[in-house]
C-alpha atoms as a PDB file:
ATOM      1  CA  MET A   1       2.872  37.116   3.403  1.00  0.00           C
ATOM      2  CA  SER A   2       4.926  34.873   5.665  1.00  0.00           C
ATOM      3  CA  THR A   3       7.599  32.662   3.948  1.00  0.00           C
ATOM      4  CA  GLY A   4       6.129  29.168   5.306  1.00  0.00           C
ATOM      5  CA  LEU A   5       8.081  27.407   2.661  1.00  0.00           C
ATOM      6  CA  GLU A   6      11.539  28.921   3.460  1.00  0.00           C
ATOM      7  CA  SER A   7      12.261  26.657   6.089  1.00  0.00           C
ATOM      8  CA  GLY A   8      11.754  23.737   3.542  1.00  0.00           C
ATOM      9  CA  LEU A   9      15.248  24.563   2.499  1.00  0.00           C
ATOM     10  CA  ASP A  10      16.522  22.976   5.577  1.00  0.00           C
ATOM     11  CA  GLN A  11      14.054  20.269   6.229  1.00  0.00           C
ATOM     12  CA  GLN A  12      13.336  16.863   4.600  1.00  0.00           C
ATOM     13  CA  LYS A  13      10.660  17.534   4.711  1.00  0.00           C
ATOM     14  CA  TRP A  14      -4.604  22.572 -20.065  1.00  0.00           C
ATOM     15  CA  PHE A  15      -3.354  26.462 -21.052  1.00  0.00           C
ATOM     16  CA  LYS A  16       0.359  25.220 -21.472  1.00  0.00           C
ATOM     17  CA  VAL A  17       3.171  26.504 -23.677  1.00  0.00           C
ATOM     18  CA  ASN A  18       3.247  24.568 -26.907  1.00  0.00           C
ATOM     19  CA  LYS A  19       6.507  22.747 -27.179  1.00  0.00           C
ATOM     20  CA  SER A  20       7.014  23.871 -30.888  1.00  0.00           C
ATOM     21  CA  GLU A  21       6.116  27.354 -29.743  1.00  0.00           C
ATOM     22  CA  ARG A  22       8.878  27.374 -27.202  1.00  0.00           C
ATOM     23  CA  ASN A  23      11.520  26.174 -29.710  1.00  0.00           C
ATOM     24  CA  LYS A  24      10.269  28.793 -32.256  1.00  0.00           C
ATOM     25  CA  ILE A  25      10.411  31.653 -29.642  1.00  0.00           C
ATOM     26  CA  LYS A  26      14.021  30.432 -28.598  1.00  0.00           C
ATOM     27  CA  GLU A  27      15.036  30.781 -32.458  1.00  0.00           C
ATOM     28  CA  GLN A  28      13.214  34.267 -32.604  1.00  0.00           C
ATOM     29  CA  ILE A  29      14.988  35.543 -29.551  1.00  0.00           C
ATOM     30  CA  THR A  30      18.517  34.503 -30.729  1.00  0.00           C
ATOM     31  CA  SER A  31      17.956  35.708 -34.312  1.00  0.00           C
ATOM     32  CA  GLY A  32      16.179  38.919 -33.620  1.00  0.00           C
ATOM     33  CA  LEU A  33      12.883  40.163 -35.000  1.00  0.00           C
ATOM     34  CA  THR A  34      11.507  43.013 -37.305  1.00  0.00           C
ATOM     35  CA  ALA A  35       8.915  45.368 -35.811  1.00  0.00           C
ATOM     36  CA  ASN A  36       6.392  43.570 -38.243  1.00  0.00           C
ATOM     37  CA  GLY A  37       7.400  40.265 -36.929  1.00  0.00           C
ATOM     38  CA  SER A  38       5.894  40.749 -33.490  1.00  0.00           C
ATOM     39  CA  ALA A  39       2.636  39.606 -32.362  1.00  0.00           C
ATOM     40  CA  SER A  40       1.026  39.790 -28.873  1.00  0.00           C
ATOM     41  CA  GLU A  41      -2.090  38.221 -27.567  1.00  0.00           C
ATOM     42  CA  VAL A  42      -4.706  39.993 -25.168  1.00  0.00           C
ATOM     43  CA  GLU A  43      -7.692  37.952 -24.984  1.00  0.00           C
ATOM     44  CA  LEU A  44     -10.822  37.408 -22.819  1.00  0.00           C
ATOM     45  CA  SER A  45     -11.550  33.966 -24.219  1.00  0.00           C
ATOM     46  CA  GLU A  46     -11.516  30.168 -23.945  1.00  0.00           C
ATOM     47  CA  GLU A  47      -8.660  29.642 -26.369  1.00  0.00           C
ATOM     48  CA  SER A  48      -5.512  28.065 -24.841  1.00  0.00           C
ATOM     49  CA  ASP A  49      -1.907  28.050 -25.989  1.00  0.00           C
ATOM     50  CA  SER A  50      -2.448  24.143 -26.821  1.00  0.00           C
ATOM     51  CA  SER A  51      -4.671  25.155 -29.772  1.00  0.00           C
ATOM     52  CA  PHE A  52      -2.090  27.415 -31.391  1.00  0.00           C
ATOM     53  CA  THR A  53       0.362  26.012 -33.965  1.00  0.00           C
ATOM     54  CA  GLU A  54       2.395  29.144 -34.769  1.00  0.00           C
ATOM     55  CA  ALA A  55       4.702  30.891 -32.383  1.00  0.00           C
ATOM     56  CA  ARG A  56       3.647  34.168 -30.788  1.00  0.00           C
ATOM     57  CA  LYS A  57       6.551  36.181 -31.030  1.00  0.00           C
ATOM     58  CA  PRO A  58       7.923  38.231 -28.286  1.00  0.00           C
ATOM     59  CA  LYS A  59       8.792  41.954 -28.729  1.00  0.00           C
ATOM     60  CA  MET A  60      12.650  41.892 -29.277  1.00  0.00           C
ATOM     61  CA  ASN A  61      13.202  44.690 -31.810  1.00  0.00           C
ATOM     62  CA  ASN A  62      16.582  45.921 -30.513  1.00  0.00           C
ATOM     63  CA  SER A  63      16.543  48.612 -33.392  1.00  0.00           C
ATOM     64  CA  GLN A  64      13.537  50.548 -32.243  1.00  0.00           C
ATOM     65  CA  GLY A  65      13.902  53.957 -31.188  1.00  0.00           C
ATOM     66  CA  PRO A  66      12.589  55.865 -28.108  1.00  0.00           C
ATOM     67  CA  GLY A  67       9.294  56.921 -30.005  1.00  0.00           C
ATOM     68  CA  ASP A  68       8.725  53.310 -31.032  1.00  0.00           C
ATOM     69  CA  ALA A  69       8.975  52.050 -27.487  1.00  0.00           C
ATOM     70  CA  THR A  70       6.628  54.841 -26.292  1.00  0.00           C
ATOM     71  CA  SER A  71       4.133  54.046 -29.022  1.00  0.00           C
ATOM     72  CA  GLU A  72       4.130  50.318 -27.762  1.00  0.00           C
ATOM     73  CA  GLU A  73       3.629  51.480 -24.222  1.00  0.00           C
ATOM     74  CA  GLN A  74       0.629  53.532 -25.361  1.00  0.00           C
ATOM     75  CA  ASP A  75      -0.778  50.556 -27.181  1.00  0.00           C
ATOM     76  CA  LEU A  76      -0.308  48.306 -24.490  1.00  0.00           C
ATOM     77  CA  GLN A  77      -1.992  50.823 -22.210  1.00  0.00           C
ATOM     78  CA  LYS A  78      -5.072  51.063 -24.339  1.00  0.00           C
ATOM     79  CA  GLN A  79      -5.337  47.327 -24.500  1.00  0.00           C
ATOM     80  CA  MET A  80      -5.240  47.480 -20.786  1.00  0.00           C
ATOM     81  CA  ASP A  81      -7.934  50.103 -20.419  1.00  0.00           C
ATOM     82  CA  ALA A  82     -10.159  48.211 -22.909  1.00  0.00           C
ATOM     83  CA  MET A  83      -9.837  45.061 -20.904  1.00  0.00           C
ATOM     84  CA  THR A  84     -10.271  46.921 -17.544  1.00  0.00           C
ATOM     85  CA  GLU A  85     -13.684  48.336 -19.096  1.00  0.00           C
ATOM     86  CA  VAL A  86     -14.576  44.778 -20.157  1.00  0.00           C
ATOM     87  CA  LEU A  87     -13.901  43.269 -16.644  1.00  0.00           C
ATOM     88  CA  SER A  88     -15.759  45.857 -14.844  1.00  0.00           C
ATOM     89  CA  ASN A  89     -19.006  45.255 -16.821  1.00  0.00           C
ATOM     90  CA  SER A  90     -19.016  41.666 -17.578  1.00  0.00           C
ATOM     91  CA  ASP A  91     -19.585  38.644 -15.552  1.00  0.00           C
ATOM     92  CA  GLU A  92     -18.911  36.321 -18.248  1.00  0.00           C
ATOM     93  CA  VAL A  93     -15.142  36.215 -18.372  1.00  0.00           C
ATOM     94  CA  ASP A  94     -13.792  32.903 -17.335  1.00  0.00           C
ATOM     95  CA  GLN A  95     -10.364  32.845 -18.999  1.00  0.00           C
ATOM     96  CA  LEU A  96      -8.004  35.883 -19.127  1.00  0.00           C
ATOM     97  CA  ILE A  97      -5.288  35.739 -21.676  1.00  0.00           C
ATOM     98  CA  LEU A  98      -2.675  38.373 -21.523  1.00  0.00           C
ATOM     99  CA  ARG A  99       0.356  36.552 -22.959  1.00  0.00           C
ATOM    100  CA  ASN A 100       3.410  38.015 -24.505  1.00  0.00           C
ATOM    101  CA  THR A 101       2.296  41.744 -24.139  1.00  0.00           C
ATOM    102  CA  GLY A 102       5.329  43.148 -22.429  1.00  0.00           C
ATOM    103  CA  LEU A 103       3.282  43.145 -19.135  1.00  0.00           C
ATOM    104  CA  THR A 104       5.326  44.494 -16.296  1.00  0.00           C
ATOM    105  CA  ASP A 105       4.821  44.540 -12.480  1.00  0.00           C
ATOM    106  CA  GLU A 106       3.434  48.021 -12.504  1.00  0.00           C
ATOM    107  CA  LEU A 107       0.894  47.128 -15.254  1.00  0.00           C
ATOM    108  CA  LEU A 108      -0.106  43.995 -13.369  1.00  0.00           C
ATOM    109  CA  LYS A 109      -1.092  46.017 -10.593  1.00  0.00           C
ATOM    110  CA  SER A 110      -3.769  47.838 -12.711  1.00  0.00           C
ATOM    111  CA  LEU A 111      -4.919  44.589 -14.094  1.00  0.00           C
ATOM    112  CA  ALA A 112      -5.244  42.832 -10.856  1.00  0.00           C
ATOM    113  CA  THR A 113      -7.226  45.859  -9.300  1.00  0.00           C
ATOM    114  CA  ALA A 114      -9.694  45.559 -12.170  1.00  0.00           C
ATOM    115  CA  LEU A 115     -10.017  41.694 -11.934  1.00  0.00           C
ATOM    116  CA  LYS A 116     -10.647  41.973  -8.256  1.00  0.00           C
ATOM    117  CA  ARG A 117     -13.723  44.154  -8.645  1.00  0.00           C
ATOM    118  CA  SER A 118     -15.009  42.294 -11.748  1.00  0.00           C
ATOM    119  CA  PRO A 119     -18.143  40.282 -11.350  1.00  0.00           C
ATOM    120  CA  SER A 120     -16.632  37.574 -13.393  1.00  0.00           C
ATOM    121  CA  GLU A 121     -15.214  34.478 -11.997  1.00  0.00           C
ATOM    122  CA  VAL A 122     -12.036  33.918 -13.653  1.00  0.00           C
ATOM    123  CA  THR A 123     -10.663  30.509 -13.458  1.00  0.00           C
ATOM    124  CA  VAL A 124      -7.663  30.697 -15.856  1.00  0.00           C
ATOM    125  CA  ILE A 125      -4.938  33.356 -15.880  1.00  0.00           C
ATOM    126  CA  ASN A 126      -2.279  33.055 -18.702  1.00  0.00           C
ATOM    127  CA  LEU A 127       0.597  35.593 -18.383  1.00  0.00           C
ATOM    128  CA  ASN A 128       3.174  33.531 -20.001  1.00  0.00           C
ATOM    129  CA  LEU A 129       6.029  35.374 -21.976  1.00  0.00           C
ATOM    130  CA  ASN A 130       6.007  38.655 -20.011  1.00  0.00           C
ATOM    131  CA  GLN A 131       8.074  40.672 -17.811  1.00  0.00           C
ATOM    132  CA  ILE A 132       6.778  39.930 -14.320  1.00  0.00           C
ATOM    133  CA  GLY A 133       9.445  39.639 -11.712  1.00  0.00           C
ATOM    134  CA  PRO A 134       9.320  39.122  -7.792  1.00  0.00           C
ATOM    135  CA  PRO A 135       7.661  42.415  -7.144  1.00  0.00           C
ATOM    136  CA  GLY A 136       4.745  41.083  -9.178  1.00  0.00           C
ATOM    137  CA  VAL A 137       4.355  37.888  -6.991  1.00  0.00           C
ATOM    138  CA  ASN A 138       2.517  39.812  -4.072  1.00  0.00           C
ATOM    139  CA  VAL A 139      -0.025  41.249  -6.565  1.00  0.00           C
ATOM    140  CA  LEU A 140      -0.879  37.744  -7.830  1.00  0.00           C
ATOM    141  CA  LEU A 141      -1.216  36.364  -4.495  1.00  0.00           C
ATOM    142  CA  ASP A 142      -3.666  39.324  -3.420  1.00  0.00           C
ATOM    143  CA  LEU A 143      -5.504  38.452  -6.494  1.00  0.00           C
ATOM    144  CA  LEU A 144      -5.696  34.735  -5.693  1.00  0.00           C
ATOM    145  CA  GLN A 145      -6.943  35.561  -2.180  1.00  0.00           C
ATOM    146  CA  ALA A 146      -9.739  38.021  -3.945  1.00  0.00           C
ATOM    147  CA  LYS A 147     -10.563  35.465  -6.597  1.00  0.00           C
ATOM    148  CA  PRO A 148      -9.990  31.910  -5.199  1.00  0.00           C
ATOM    149  CA  GLN A 149     -11.980  30.408  -8.197  1.00  0.00           C
ATOM    150  CA  ILE A 150      -8.755  30.759 -10.261  1.00  0.00           C
ATOM    151  CA  LYS A 151      -7.379  27.242 -10.650  1.00  0.00           C
ATOM    152  CA  GLU A 152      -4.821  27.823 -13.436  1.00  0.00           C
ATOM    153  CA  LEU A 153      -1.774  30.071 -13.246  1.00  0.00           C
ATOM    154  CA  LEU A 154       0.383  30.225 -16.217  1.00  0.00           C
ATOM    155  CA  LEU A 155       3.737  32.359 -15.780  1.00  0.00           C
ATOM    156  CA  PHE A 156       6.199  30.467 -18.371  1.00  0.00           C
ATOM    157  CA  GLY A 157       8.720  32.918 -19.672  1.00  0.00           C
ATOM    158  CA  ASN A 158       8.739  35.577 -17.045  1.00  0.00           C
ATOM    159  CA  GLN A 159      11.438  36.954 -14.713  1.00  0.00           C
ATOM    160  CA  LEU A 160      10.652  35.260 -11.373  1.00  0.00           C
ATOM    161  CA  GLY A 161      14.050  33.632 -10.521  1.00  0.00           C
ATOM    162  CA  ASP A 162      14.520  31.810  -7.315  1.00  0.00           C
ATOM    163  CA  LEU A 163      13.265  34.877  -4.995  1.00  0.00           C
ATOM    164  CA  GLY A 164       9.971  35.090  -6.968  1.00  0.00           C
ATOM    165  CA  VAL A 165       9.334  31.377  -6.996  1.00  0.00           C
ATOM    166  CA  GLN A 166       9.874  31.217  -3.304  1.00  0.00           C
ATOM    167  CA  ALA A 167       7.579  33.956  -2.749  1.00  0.00           C
ATOM    168  CA  LEU A 168       5.008  32.389  -4.703  1.00  0.00           C
ATOM    169  CA  LEU A 169       4.982  29.039  -3.326  1.00  0.00           C
ATOM    170  CA  SER A 170       5.166  30.280   0.026  1.00  0.00           C
ATOM    171  CA  GLY A 171       2.131  32.478  -0.247  1.00  0.00           C
ATOM    172  CA  LEU A 172       0.164  29.648  -2.160  1.00  0.00           C
ATOM    173  CA  ALA A 173       0.985  27.241   0.709  1.00  0.00           C
ATOM    174  CA  GLU A 174      -0.256  29.939   3.349  1.00  0.00           C
ATOM    175  CA  LEU A 175      -3.472  30.751   1.430  1.00  0.00           C
ATOM    176  CA  GLN A 176      -4.263  27.200   0.885  1.00  0.00           C
ATOM    177  CA  ASP A 177      -3.655  26.351   4.547  1.00  0.00           C
ATOM    178  CA  LYS A 178      -5.593  29.253   5.759  1.00  0.00           C
ATOM    179  CA  THR A 179      -8.641  28.338   3.869  1.00  0.00           C
ATOM    180  CA  ALA A 180      -8.255  24.652   4.987  1.00  0.00           C
ATOM    181  CA  ALA A 181      -8.041  25.963   8.637  1.00  0.00           C
ATOM    182  CA  LEU A 182     -11.243  27.989   8.264  1.00  0.00           C
ATOM    183  CA  ARG A 183     -13.098  25.060   6.952  1.00  0.00           C
ATOM    184  CA  GLY A 184     -12.021  22.829   9.874  1.00  0.00           C
ATOM    185  CA  ASN A 185     -12.706  25.701  12.367  1.00  0.00           C
ATOM    186  CA  SER A 186     -15.043  24.495  15.214  1.00  0.00           C
ATOM    187  CA  GLU A 187     -16.061  28.051  15.757  1.00  0.00           C
ATOM    188  CA  PRO A 188     -19.056  29.374  13.863  1.00  0.00           C
ATOM    189  CA  ILE A 189     -18.218  31.445  10.692  1.00  0.00           C
ATOM    190  CA  HIS A 190     -20.790  33.719   8.790  1.00  0.00           C
ATOM    191  CA  PHE A 191     -19.533  32.622   5.343  1.00  0.00           C
ATOM    192  CA  SER A 192     -18.455  29.787   3.339  1.00  0.00           C
ATOM    193  CA  PRO A 193     -14.627  30.051   2.496  1.00  0.00           C
ATOM    194  CA  VAL A 194     -13.770  29.239  -0.920  1.00  0.00           C
ATOM    195  CA  SER A 195     -10.588  27.340  -1.080  1.00  0.00           C
ATOM    196  CA  VAL A 196      -7.613  28.794  -2.937  1.00  0.00           C
ATOM    197  CA  VAL A 197      -6.435  25.584  -4.821  1.00  0.00           C
ATOM    198  CA  ILE A 198      -4.227  25.937  -7.876  1.00  0.00           C
ATOM    199  CA  LYS A 199      -4.530  22.808 -10.020  1.00  0.00           C
ATOM    200  CA  GLU A 200      -2.178  24.048 -13.099  1.00  0.00           C
ATOM    201  CA  LEU A 201       0.923  25.900 -12.541  1.00  0.00           C
ATOM    202  CA  ASP A 202       3.588  26.817 -15.181  1.00  0.00           C
ATOM    203  CA  LEU A 203       6.959  28.169 -13.771  1.00  0.00           C
ATOM    204  CA  GLY A 204       9.108  27.152 -16.880  1.00  0.00           C
ATOM    205  CA  GLY A 205      11.637  29.529 -18.316  1.00  0.00           C
ATOM    206  CA  ASN A 206      11.884  31.726 -15.022  1.00  0.00           C
ATOM    207  CA  GLY A 207      15.480  31.184 -14.347  1.00  0.00           C
ATOM    208  CA  ILE A 208      14.846  28.764 -11.347  1.00  0.00           C
ATOM    209  CA  GLY A 209      18.014  27.573  -9.669  1.00  0.00           C
ATOM    210  CA  SER A 210      18.807  25.425  -6.630  1.00  0.00           C
ATOM    211  CA  ASP A 211      16.948  27.306  -4.116  1.00  0.00           C
ATOM    212  CA  GLY A 212      13.788  27.630  -6.261  1.00  0.00           C
ATOM    213  CA  LEU A 213      13.843  23.685  -6.818  1.00  0.00           C
ATOM    214  CA  ARG A 214      14.232  23.173  -3.136  1.00  0.00           C
ATOM    215  CA  VAL A 215      11.298  25.207  -2.407  1.00  0.00           C
ATOM    216  CA  LEU A 216       9.280  23.553  -5.016  1.00  0.00           C
ATOM    217  CA  ALA A 217      10.207  20.197  -3.474  1.00  0.00           C
ATOM    218  CA  THR A 218       8.743  21.267  -0.116  1.00  0.00           C
ATOM    219  CA  PHE A 219       5.642  22.846  -1.817  1.00  0.00           C
ATOM    220  CA  MET A 220       5.084  19.593  -3.910  1.00  0.00           C
ATOM    221  CA  ARG A 221       5.761  17.172  -0.801  1.00  0.00           C
ATOM    222  CA  TYR A 222       3.490  19.040   1.711  1.00  0.00           C
ATOM    223  CA  HIS A 223       1.265  21.588   0.044  1.00  0.00           C
ATOM    224  CA  SER A 224       0.468  20.930  -3.492  1.00  0.00           C
ATOM    225  CA  HIS A 225      -2.866  20.198  -5.100  1.00  0.00           C
ATOM    226  CA  LEU A 226      -1.308  20.515  -8.749  1.00  0.00           C
ATOM    227  CA  GLN A 227      -2.248  18.288 -11.545  1.00  0.00           C
ATOM    228  CA  TYR A 228      -0.101  19.923 -13.999  1.00  0.00           C
ATOM    229  CA  LEU A 229       3.392  21.407 -13.514  1.00  0.00           C
ATOM    230  CA  GLY A 230       5.388  23.228 -16.183  1.00  0.00           C
ATOM    231  CA  LEU A 231       9.181  23.374 -15.645  1.00  0.00           C
ATOM    232  CA  ALA A 232      10.323  23.552 -19.064  1.00  0.00           C
ATOM    233  CA  GLN A 233      13.623  25.468 -19.847  1.00  0.00           C
ATOM    234  CA  THR A 234      14.612  25.087 -15.961  1.00  0.00           C
ATOM    235  CA  SER A 235      18.330  24.618 -16.638  1.00  0.00           C
ATOM    236  CA  CYS A 236      19.675  24.223 -13.009  1.00  0.00           C
ATOM    237  CA  SER A 237      22.777  22.323 -13.084  1.00  0.00           C
ATOM    238  CA  ASP A 238      22.570  21.322  -9.146  1.00  0.00           C
ATOM    239  CA  MET A 239      21.916  17.546  -9.395  1.00  0.00           C
ATOM    240  CA  GLU A 240      21.214  17.538  -5.670  1.00  0.00           C
ATOM    241  CA  ALA A 241      18.460  20.238  -5.928  1.00  0.00           C
ATOM    242  CA  TRP A 242      16.760  18.168  -8.797  1.00  0.00           C
ATOM    243  CA  THR A 243      17.143  14.983  -6.339  1.00  0.00           C
ATOM    244  CA  VAL A 244      15.124  16.605  -3.708  1.00  0.00           C
ATOM    245  CA  LEU A 245      12.497  17.825  -6.202  1.00  0.00           C
ATOM    246  CA  PHE A 246      12.146  14.316  -7.637  1.00  0.00           C
ATOM    247  CA  GLU A 247      12.130  12.621  -4.194  1.00  0.00           C
ATOM    248  CA  SER A 248       9.137  14.902  -3.296  1.00  0.00           C
ATOM    249  CA  LEU A 249       7.378  13.317  -6.501  1.00  0.00           C
ATOM    250  CA  LYS A 250       7.702   9.891  -4.758  1.00  0.00           C
ATOM    251  CA  VAL A 251       5.153  10.731  -2.245  1.00  0.00           C
ATOM    252  CA  ASN A 252       3.053  13.349  -4.233  1.00  0.00           C
ATOM    253  CA  THR A 253      -0.458  11.948  -5.126  1.00  0.00           C
ATOM    254  CA  THR A 254      -2.023  14.640  -7.174  1.00  0.00           C
ATOM    255  CA  LEU A 255       0.376  15.554  -9.908  1.00  0.00           C
ATOM    256  CA  THR A 256      -0.740  13.972 -13.548  1.00  0.00           C
ATOM    257  CA  HIS A 257       1.195  15.872 -16.023  1.00  0.00           C
ATOM    258  CA  ILE A 258       4.753  17.312 -15.551  1.00  0.00           C
ATOM    259  CA  ILE A 259       6.760  19.249 -18.223  1.00  0.00           C
ATOM    260  CA  LEU A 260      10.612  19.074 -18.068  1.00  0.00           C
ATOM    261  CA  ASP A 261      11.608  19.945 -21.594  1.00  0.00           C
ATOM    262  CA  GLU A 262      14.771  21.689 -22.360  1.00  0.00           C
ATOM    263  CA  SER A 263      16.249  21.376 -18.698  1.00  0.00           C
ATOM    264  CA  ASN A 264      19.581  19.778 -19.443  1.00  0.00           C
ATOM    265  CA  LEU A 265      18.951  16.758 -17.387  1.00  0.00           C
ATOM    266  CA  GLY A 266      21.207  14.504 -19.137  1.00  0.00           C
ATOM    267  CA  ASP A 267      21.631  10.779 -18.382  1.00  0.00           C
ATOM    268  CA  ASN A 268      22.178  11.440 -14.503  1.00  0.00           C
ATOM    269  CA  GLY A 269      18.952  13.646 -14.182  1.00  0.00           C
ATOM    270  CA  ILE A 270      17.007  11.113 -15.972  1.00  0.00           C
ATOM    271  CA  LYS A 271      18.197   8.264 -13.718  1.00  0.00           C
ATOM    272  CA  LEU A 272      17.095  10.392 -10.661  1.00  0.00           C
ATOM    273  CA  PHE A 273      13.700  11.037 -12.321  1.00  0.00           C
ATOM    274  CA  ALA A 274      13.176   7.578 -13.386  1.00  0.00           C
ATOM    275  CA  GLU A 275      13.824   6.329  -9.648  1.00  0.00           C
ATOM    276  CA  ALA A 276      11.028   8.744  -8.739  1.00  0.00           C
ATOM    277  CA  LEU A 277       8.574   7.232 -11.180  1.00  0.00           C
ATOM    278  CA  ARG A 278       9.041   3.685  -9.648  1.00  0.00           C
ATOM    279  CA  SER A 279       7.267   5.156  -6.477  1.00  0.00           C
ATOM    280  CA  ASN A 280       4.928   7.743  -7.832  1.00  0.00           C
ATOM    281  CA  LYS A 281       1.356   6.402  -8.528  1.00  0.00           C
ATOM    282  CA  THR A 282      -0.265   9.242 -10.292  1.00  0.00           C
ATOM    283  CA  LEU A 283       1.869  10.656 -13.155  1.00  0.00           C
ATOM    284  CA  ARG A 284       0.257   9.814 -16.469  1.00  0.00           C
ATOM    285  CA  LYS A 285       2.207  12.307 -18.939  1.00  0.00           C
ATOM    286  CA  VAL A 286       5.565  13.363 -18.650  1.00  0.00           C
ATOM    287  CA  ASP A 287       7.615  15.570 -21.272  1.00  0.00           C
ATOM    288  CA  LEU A 288      11.150  15.057 -21.573  1.00  0.00           C
ATOM    289  CA  ASP A 289      12.147  16.526 -24.937  1.00  0.00           C
ATOM    290  CA  ASN A 290      15.514  18.086 -25.795  1.00  0.00           C
ATOM    291  CA  ASN A 291      17.242  16.996 -22.321  1.00  0.00           C
ATOM    292  CA  GLY A 292      20.607  15.787 -23.914  1.00  0.00           C
ATOM    293  CA  PHE A 293      20.239  12.075 -22.618  1.00  0.00           C
ATOM    294  CA  GLY A 294      20.994   9.114 -24.787  1.00  0.00           C
ATOM    295  CA  GLU A 295      20.831   5.307 -24.520  1.00  0.00           C
ATOM    296  CA  VAL A 296      21.809   5.185 -20.843  1.00  0.00           C
ATOM    297  CA  GLY A 297      18.866   7.445 -19.912  1.00  0.00           C
ATOM    298  CA  GLY A 298      16.617   5.693 -22.205  1.00  0.00           C
ATOM    299  CA  HIS A 299      17.267   2.551 -20.517  1.00  0.00           C
ATOM    300  CA  TYR A 300      16.612   3.823 -17.038  1.00  0.00           C
ATOM    301  CA  LEU A 301      13.132   4.934 -18.235  1.00  0.00           C
ATOM    302  CA  LEU A 302      12.710   1.472 -19.762  1.00  0.00           C
ATOM    303  CA  GLU A 303      13.671  -0.297 -16.598  1.00  0.00           C
ATOM    304  CA  THR A 304      11.300   1.819 -14.784  1.00  0.00           C
ATOM    305  CA  LEU A 305       8.333   1.033 -17.023  1.00  0.00           C
ATOM    306  CA  ARG A 306       9.197  -2.774 -16.588  1.00  0.00           C
ATOM    307  CA  SER A 307       9.723  -2.599 -12.926  1.00  0.00           C
ATOM    308  CA  GLY A 308       7.494  -4.991 -10.818  1.00  0.00           C
ATOM    309  CA  GLY A 309       5.625  -2.028  -9.232  1.00  0.00           C
ATOM    310  CA  LYS A 310       4.363  -0.939 -12.679  1.00  0.00           C
ATOM    311  CA  CYS A 311       4.455   2.928 -12.715  1.00  0.00           C
ATOM    312  CA  SER A 312       1.375   4.809 -13.790  1.00  0.00           C
ATOM    313  CA  LEU A 313       2.847   6.572 -16.879  1.00  0.00           C
ATOM    314  CA  GLU A 314       0.913   6.158 -20.118  1.00  0.00           C
ATOM    315  CA  ASN A 315       2.418   9.039 -22.292  1.00  0.00           C
ATOM    316  CA  LEU A 316       6.267   9.951 -22.529  1.00  0.00           C
ATOM    317  CA  SER A 317       7.581  12.599 -24.982  1.00  0.00           C
ATOM    318  CA  LEU A 318      11.355  11.997 -25.498  1.00  0.00           C
ATOM    319  CA  GLY A 319      12.019  13.983 -28.737  1.00  0.00           C
ATOM    320  CA  GLY A 320      15.262  15.647 -29.377  1.00  0.00           C
ATOM    321  CA  ASN A 321      17.220  13.212 -27.404  1.00  0.00           C
ATOM    322  CA  TYR A 322      19.743  10.574 -28.603  1.00  0.00           C
ATOM    323  CA  ILE A 323      17.779   7.450 -28.175  1.00  0.00           C
ATOM    324  CA  SER A 324      17.732   4.700 -30.873  1.00  0.00           C
ATOM    325  CA  THR A 325      14.697   3.562 -32.817  1.00  0.00           C
ATOM    326  CA  ALA A 326      14.737   0.127 -31.285  1.00  0.00           C
ATOM    327  CA  LEU A 327      14.841   1.668 -27.676  1.00  0.00           C
ATOM    328  CA  MET A 328      12.103   4.016 -28.451  1.00  0.00           C
ATOM    329  CA  ALA A 329      10.098   1.164 -29.672  1.00  0.00           C
ATOM    330  CA  ASN A 330      10.447  -0.873 -26.418  1.00  0.00           C
ATOM    331  CA  ILE A 331       9.551   2.130 -24.541  1.00  0.00           C
ATOM    332  CA  GLN A 332       6.433   2.810 -26.535  1.00  0.00           C
ATOM    333  CA  GLN A 333       5.551  -0.904 -26.059  1.00  0.00           C
ATOM    334  CA  GLU A 334       5.790  -0.602 -22.327  1.00  0.00           C
ATOM    335  CA  LEU A 335       3.643   2.729 -22.279  1.00  0.00           C
ATOM    336  CA  GLU A 336       0.841   1.007 -24.479  1.00  0.00           C
ATOM    337  CA  SER A 337       0.650  -1.747 -21.858  1.00  0.00           C
ATOM    338  CA  ASN A 338      -0.144   0.867 -19.169  1.00  0.00           C
ATOM    339  CA  ARG A 339      -3.252   2.501 -21.031  1.00  0.00           C
ATOM    340  CA  PRO A 340      -6.438   1.553 -20.275  1.00  0.00           C
ATOM    341  CA  ALA A 341      -7.900  -0.758 -22.824  1.00  0.00           C
ATOM    342  CA  ALA A 342     -10.419   1.033 -25.234  1.00  0.00           C
ATOM    343  CA  LEU A 343     -13.988   0.290 -24.720  1.00  0.00           C
END
């Protein structure tokens, strides 16, 4: 894959992670778990994270011995083998849920091989809370090329970092541009190309820094078809990088829901985001919980909602910040005026 988005650094150019789940997971990581307290989820079903109310705990038991680790690996391999068999013989799998299982880049290769051969047309891939790093990105891109029906890719809480995010977004842009070019080609082709179009993407909790945010900004400005973007727990301290990302949202015309929970935006970051909301015409829902801002940031949001251009926002989650009850009531009133009247 070429890195078509890398140059963007120098140019101007509903499977979601539940908020209460993220908070509980953070508590469990910091407090440690017992062996009996861990739970993984390997499913071939239509369920999504939004339907769960209890946390699915990552395997963080540091006291386990080598034998325990080997046993867990063997159990996971058995689960993978069973899943591979199902994928090989079924054409009815539309959502693949493999979250919080300890999935590594190597195991991802086996999964992707089985999925590419499967007659099922999977549309949702949930790999939240695993151990996928930059080496796994090429595996995912190959999978998307083989299975362009995939529209949701959920990678919250993995280990992509800036390098992995840059590779993933560059690859997505290339795949999308390639299928668009095929459709617009004047030369006759002997097949109907299926567009690779990801509409829901969760990159939160992946240690994204300045470079990752800047690449994401270029993607959102020029290549994105995303309707949902998850960026929870993206604690980048570079406000210039956030500025570049929020500037891209001013011209983005597809995104309707963005999650920015627990990203330490503070009053300054909220000011930048509020300015973007004044120009954006498609965002309907925004999550800003636990971002450490107070009355100043809250007033920036209120002023945006009251602005003459009337931003499109209908739902705004602000829990865990330092906003007075009176200000929250004023914000809520403005949001209600944006919502369509009930029939």
